[in-house]
C-alpha atoms as a PDB file:
ATOM      1  CA  MET A   1      -6.746 -37.735   5.635  1.00  0.00           C
ATOM      2  CA  LEU A   2      -4.145 -40.476   5.409  1.00  0.00           C
ATOM      3  CA  GLN A   3      -5.907 -41.900   2.339  1.00  0.00           C
ATOM      4  CA  GLN A   4      -5.684 -38.510   0.640  1.00  0.00           C
ATOM      5  CA  LEU A   5      -1.976 -38.320   1.393  1.00  0.00           C
ATOM      6  CA  LEU A   6      -1.423 -41.780  -0.035  1.00  0.00           C
ATOM      7  CA  GLN A   7      -3.349 -40.859  -3.187  1.00  0.00           C
ATOM      8  CA  ASN A   8      -1.229 -37.739  -3.644  1.00  0.00           C
ATOM      9  CA  LYS A   9       2.183 -39.257  -2.928  1.00  0.00           C
ATOM     10  CA  LYS A  10       3.738 -37.597  -5.965  1.00  0.00           C
ATOM     11  CA  ARG A  11       2.430 -34.163  -4.977  1.00  0.00           C
ATOM     12  CA  VAL A  12       3.673 -34.559  -1.426  1.00  0.00           C
ATOM     13  CA  PHE A  13       7.077 -35.776  -2.622  1.00  0.00           C
ATOM     14  CA  TRP A  14       7.573 -32.866  -5.047  1.00  0.00           C
ATOM     15  CA  SER A  15       6.312 -30.363  -2.488  1.00  0.00           C
ATOM     16  CA  ILE A  16       8.856 -31.622   0.022  1.00  0.00           C
ATOM     17  CA  VAL A  17      11.630 -31.502  -2.604  1.00  0.00           C
ATOM     18  CA  LEU A  18      10.767 -27.903  -3.556  1.00  0.00           C
ATOM     19  CA  VAL A  19      10.598 -26.742   0.061  1.00  0.00           C
ATOM     20  CA  PHE A  20      13.916 -28.511   0.702  1.00  0.00           C
ATOM     21  CA  LEU A  21      15.471 -26.616  -2.218  1.00  0.00           C
ATOM     22  CA  MET A  22      14.245 -23.348  -0.695  1.00  0.00           C
ATOM     23  CA  VAL A  23      15.807 -24.373   2.604  1.00  0.00           C
ATOM     24  CA  LEU A  24      19.093 -25.123   0.812  1.00  0.00           C
ATOM     25  CA  ILE A  25      19.104 -21.608  -0.638  1.00  0.00           C
ATOM     26  CA  ARG A  26      18.769 -20.295   2.899  1.00  0.00           C
ATOM     27  CA  VAL A  27      21.408 -22.618   4.356  1.00  0.00           C
ATOM     28  CA  PHE A  28      24.029 -21.775   1.724  1.00  0.00           C
ATOM     29  CA  GLU A  29      23.205 -18.077   1.408  1.00  0.00           C
ATOM     30  CA  ASP A  30      26.674 -17.048   2.629  1.00  0.00           C
ATOM     31  CA  GLN A  31      28.400 -19.037  -0.102  1.00  0.00           C
ATOM     32  CA  LEU A  32      25.945 -18.382  -2.946  1.00  0.00           C
ATOM     33  CA  PHE A  33      25.104 -14.701  -2.676  1.00  0.00           C
ATOM     34  CA  TYR A  34      26.801 -11.383  -2.071  1.00  0.00           C
ATOM     35  CA  ASP A  35      24.999  -9.757   0.834  1.00  0.00           C
ATOM     36  CA  PRO A  36      26.903  -7.588   3.325  1.00  0.00           C
ATOM     37  CA  PHE A  37      23.690  -7.245   5.318  1.00  0.00           C
ATOM     38  CA  LEU A  38      23.667 -10.938   6.339  1.00  0.00           C
ATOM     39  CA  ASN A  39      26.086 -10.445   9.225  1.00  0.00           C
ATOM     40  CA  TYR A  40      25.153  -6.809   9.732  1.00  0.00           C
ATOM     41  CA  PHE A  41      21.529  -7.560  10.674  1.00  0.00           C
ATOM     42  CA  LYS A  42      22.583 -10.499  12.865  1.00  0.00           C
ATOM     43  CA  GLY A  43      24.532  -8.160  15.145  1.00  0.00           C
ATOM     44  CA  GLU A  44      23.707  -5.005  17.071  1.00  0.00           C
ATOM     45  CA  TYR A  45      23.042  -2.974  13.939  1.00  0.00           C
ATOM     46  CA  ALA A  46      21.000  -0.184  15.514  1.00  0.00           C
ATOM     47  CA  ASN A  47      24.143   1.629  16.663  1.00  0.00           C
ATOM     48  CA  MET A  48      26.420   0.642  13.771  1.00  0.00           C
ATOM     49  CA  PRO A  49      26.856   2.389  10.430  1.00  0.00           C
ATOM     50  CA  LEU A  50      25.832   0.545   7.284  1.00  0.00           C
ATOM     51  CA  PRO A  51      28.517  -1.819   5.974  1.00  0.00           C
ATOM     52  CA  PRO A  52      30.410  -0.984   2.772  1.00  0.00           C
ATOM     53  CA  ILE A  53      28.245  -2.015  -0.178  1.00  0.00           C
ATOM     54  CA  ASN A  54      28.773  -2.649  -3.860  1.00  0.00           C
ATOM     55  CA  ILE A  55      25.284  -1.635  -4.973  1.00  0.00           C
ATOM     56  CA  TYR A  56      25.509  -3.391  -8.339  1.00  0.00           C
ATOM     57  CA  LYS A  57      26.632  -6.717  -6.865  1.00  0.00           C
ATOM     58  CA  LEU A  58      23.997  -6.448  -4.150  1.00  0.00           C
ATOM     59  CA  PHE A  59      21.219  -5.620  -6.641  1.00  0.00           C
ATOM     60  CA  PHE A  60      22.244  -8.544  -8.862  1.00  0.00           C
ATOM     61  CA  SER A  61      22.562 -10.938  -5.931  1.00  0.00           C
ATOM     62  CA  LEU A  62      19.189  -9.991  -4.434  1.00  0.00           C
ATOM     63  CA  GLY A  63      17.600 -10.271  -7.869  1.00  0.00           C
ATOM     64  CA  ILE A  64      19.008 -13.750  -8.466  1.00  0.00           C
ATOM     65  CA  ARG A  65      17.917 -14.905  -5.028  1.00  0.00           C
ATOM     66  CA  PHE A  66      14.419 -13.493  -5.483  1.00  0.00           C
ATOM     67  CA  TYR A  67      14.230 -15.139  -8.905  1.00  0.00           C
ATOM     68  CA  LEU A  68      15.315 -18.562  -7.573  1.00  0.00           C
ATOM     69  CA  ASN A  69      12.836 -18.432  -4.706  1.00  0.00           C
ATOM     70  CA  SER A  70      10.091 -17.252  -7.059  1.00  0.00           C
ATOM     71  CA  VAL A  71      10.693 -20.058  -9.563  1.00  0.00           C
ATOM     72  CA  LEU A  72      10.643 -22.671  -6.810  1.00  0.00           C
ATOM     73  CA  SER A  73       7.494 -21.079  -5.379  1.00  0.00           C
ATOM     74  CA  LEU A  74       5.793 -21.149  -8.789  1.00  0.00           C
ATOM     75  CA  PHE A  75       6.633 -24.829  -9.206  1.00  0.00           C
ATOM     76  CA  LEU A  76       5.260 -25.449  -5.723  1.00  0.00           C
ATOM     77  CA  LEU A  77       2.017 -23.681  -6.618  1.00  0.00           C
ATOM     78  CA  TYR A  78       1.704 -25.823  -9.729  1.00  0.00           C
ATOM     79  CA  VAL A  79       2.406 -29.031  -7.802  1.00  0.00           C
ATOM     80  CA  ILE A  80      -0.183 -28.159  -5.157  1.00  0.00           C
ATOM     81  CA  PHE A  81      -2.987 -26.818  -7.362  1.00  0.00           C
ATOM     82  CA  LYS A  82      -2.277 -28.214 -10.871  1.00  0.00           C
ATOM     83  CA  ASP A  83      -3.721 -25.009 -12.297  1.00  0.00           C
ATOM     84  CA  THR A  84      -1.817 -23.005 -14.904  1.00  0.00           C
ATOM     85  CA  GLN A  85      -4.067 -19.970 -14.396  1.00  0.00           C
ATOM     86  CA  ILE A  86      -2.904 -19.714 -10.791  1.00  0.00           C
ATOM     87  CA  VAL A  87       0.719 -19.998 -11.911  1.00  0.00           C
ATOM     88  CA  LYS A  88       0.278 -17.348 -14.619  1.00  0.00           C
ATOM     89  CA  PHE A  89      -1.359 -14.956 -12.172  1.00  0.00           C
ATOM     90  CA  SER A  90       1.397 -15.648  -9.637  1.00  0.00           C
ATOM     91  CA  ILE A  91       4.075 -14.908 -12.244  1.00  0.00           C
ATOM     92  CA  LEU A  92       2.478 -11.505 -12.774  1.00  0.00           C
ATOM     93  CA  LEU A  93       2.312 -10.889  -9.026  1.00  0.00           C
ATOM     94  CA  TYR A  94       5.938 -11.925  -8.523  1.00  0.00           C
ATOM     95  CA  MET A  95       7.080  -9.645 -11.334  1.00  0.00           C
ATOM     96  CA  ILE A  96       5.164  -6.653  -9.990  1.00  0.00           C
ATOM     97  CA  LEU A  97       6.002  -7.211  -6.330  1.00  0.00           C
ATOM     98  CA  GLY A  98       9.643  -8.050  -7.054  1.00  0.00           C
ATOM     99  CA  SER A  99      10.084  -4.906  -9.136  1.00  0.00           C
ATOM    100  CA  ILE A 100       8.475  -2.713  -6.497  1.00  0.00           C
ATOM    101  CA  LEU A 101      10.584  -4.263  -3.737  1.00  0.00           C
ATOM    102  CA  MET A 102      13.873  -4.018  -5.658  1.00  0.00           C
ATOM    103  CA  ILE A 103      13.286  -0.415  -6.658  1.00  0.00           C
ATOM    104  CA  SER A 104      12.201   0.477  -3.120  1.00  0.00           C
ATOM    105  CA  PHE A 105      15.214  -1.261  -1.589  1.00  0.00           C
ATOM    106  CA  VAL A 106      17.720   0.529  -3.823  1.00  0.00           C
ATOM    107  CA  PHE A 107      15.910   3.861  -3.358  1.00  0.00           C
ATOM    108  CA  VAL A 108      15.893   3.586   0.444  1.00  0.00           C
ATOM    109  CA  LEU A 109      19.491   2.370   0.491  1.00  0.00           C
ATOM    110  CA  ASN A 110      20.735   5.260  -1.659  1.00  0.00           C
ATOM    111  CA  PHE A 111      18.714   8.089  -0.187  1.00  0.00           C
ATOM    112  CA  PHE A 112      17.681   7.141   3.356  1.00  0.00           C
ATOM    113  CA  GLY A 113      19.988   4.269   4.381  1.00  0.00           C
ATOM    114  CA  GLU A 114      21.199   5.319   7.814  1.00  0.00           C
ATOM    115  CA  GLU A 115      17.880   6.693   9.032  1.00  0.00           C
ATOM    116  CA  HIS A 116      15.727   3.805   7.786  1.00  0.00           C
ATOM    117  CA  LYS A 117      17.592   0.656   8.739  1.00  0.00           C
ATOM    118  CA  MET A 118      14.419  -1.181   9.681  1.00  0.00           C
ATOM    119  CA  THR A 119      12.848  -0.348   6.328  1.00  0.00           C
ATOM    120  CA  LEU A 120      15.933  -1.810   4.633  1.00  0.00           C
ATOM    121  CA  PHE A 121      15.703  -4.849   6.878  1.00  0.00           C
ATOM    122  CA  TYR A 122      12.086  -5.601   5.949  1.00  0.00           C
ATOM    123  CA  LEU A 123      12.420  -4.822   2.239  1.00  0.00           C
ATOM    124  CA  ARG A 124      15.441  -7.104   2.083  1.00  0.00           C
ATOM    125  CA  ARG A 125      13.576  -9.783   4.036  1.00  0.00           C
ATOM    126  CA  PHE A 126      10.785  -9.839   1.448  1.00  0.00           C
ATOM    127  CA  LEU A 127      13.373 -10.105  -1.325  1.00  0.00           C
ATOM    128  CA  ILE A 128      15.503 -12.905   0.110  1.00  0.00           C
ATOM    129  CA  GLN A 129      12.856 -15.099   1.738  1.00  0.00           C
ATOM    130  CA  PRO A 130      10.013 -16.888  -0.058  1.00  0.00           C
ATOM    131  CA  ILE A 131       7.414 -15.074   2.050  1.00  0.00           C
ATOM    132  CA  PHE A 132       4.915 -14.569  -0.755  1.00  0.00           C
ATOM    133  CA  ILE A 133       4.335 -18.308  -1.076  1.00  0.00           C
ATOM    134  CA  LEU A 134       3.101 -18.284   2.527  1.00  0.00           C
ATOM    135  CA  LEU A 135       0.453 -15.804   1.424  1.00  0.00           C
ATOM    136  CA  PHE A 136      -0.372 -17.306  -1.954  1.00  0.00           C
ATOM    137  CA  ILE A 137      -1.033 -20.924  -0.933  1.00  0.00           C
ATOM    138  CA  PRO A 138      -3.778 -20.123   1.602  1.00  0.00           C
ATOM    139  CA  ALA A 139      -5.245 -17.431  -0.653  1.00  0.00           C
ATOM    140  CA  PHE A 140      -5.488 -19.717  -3.677  1.00  0.00           C
ATOM    141  CA  TYR A 141      -6.734 -22.592  -1.537  1.00  0.00           C
ATOM    142  CA  TYR A 142      -9.484 -20.384  -0.145  1.00  0.00           C
ATOM    143  CA  GLN A 143     -10.347 -19.190  -3.646  1.00  0.00           C
ATOM    144  CA  LYS A 144     -10.563 -22.778  -4.914  1.00  0.00           C
ATOM    145  CA  ARG A 145     -12.843 -23.746  -2.001  1.00  0.00           C
ATOM    146  CA  GLN A 146     -15.166 -20.800  -2.688  1.00  0.00           C
ATOM    147  CA  LYS A 147     -15.771 -21.708  -6.349  1.00  0.00           C
ATOM    148  CA  PRO A 148     -18.969 -23.725  -6.881  1.00  0.00           C
END
C-alpha cells in the first residue's frame, strides 16, 4: 500500500490540493457568496419565517458555487482515474443534476417556501456542497474494478 502511494505521489498531491480548494470554498463561503440561508439554517429556523431574499443574486451565487465545486470535482476525477470518458460522462451528469436542482430550488422557494423548509435545505445542500463527488468516486472505482 505504501509503495503504491509512493508511486502515485503526483496523484496524491493533486488530490489533496483539489480537496483543499473545495474546503477553502466552504471556509470562505460567507465572504464569497450571497446566501441568506447560511445563517438562517444554522439557527432555529423551524419557527422562523424565511429571510428576505434577492432571488436573482441567490440563483447566480448558487450557480457559481455549484460550478466551482463541479469543476474541482471533475479535475479530481481526472487526477484519480486518468480517464477522459469518465470526466465527459461526469460533465453530463453535473449539467443534468445541476439544472434539475437549480430549477427545483427556485420552484420550491417561489411556490412552497414556508411549508417546505426542509426541502429547501436539502436542495440547497446538494447545490453548495460537492456531494456528488462522494458518489462518483466509489461508483467509477467499482466500475473500473468490474471491467475485465
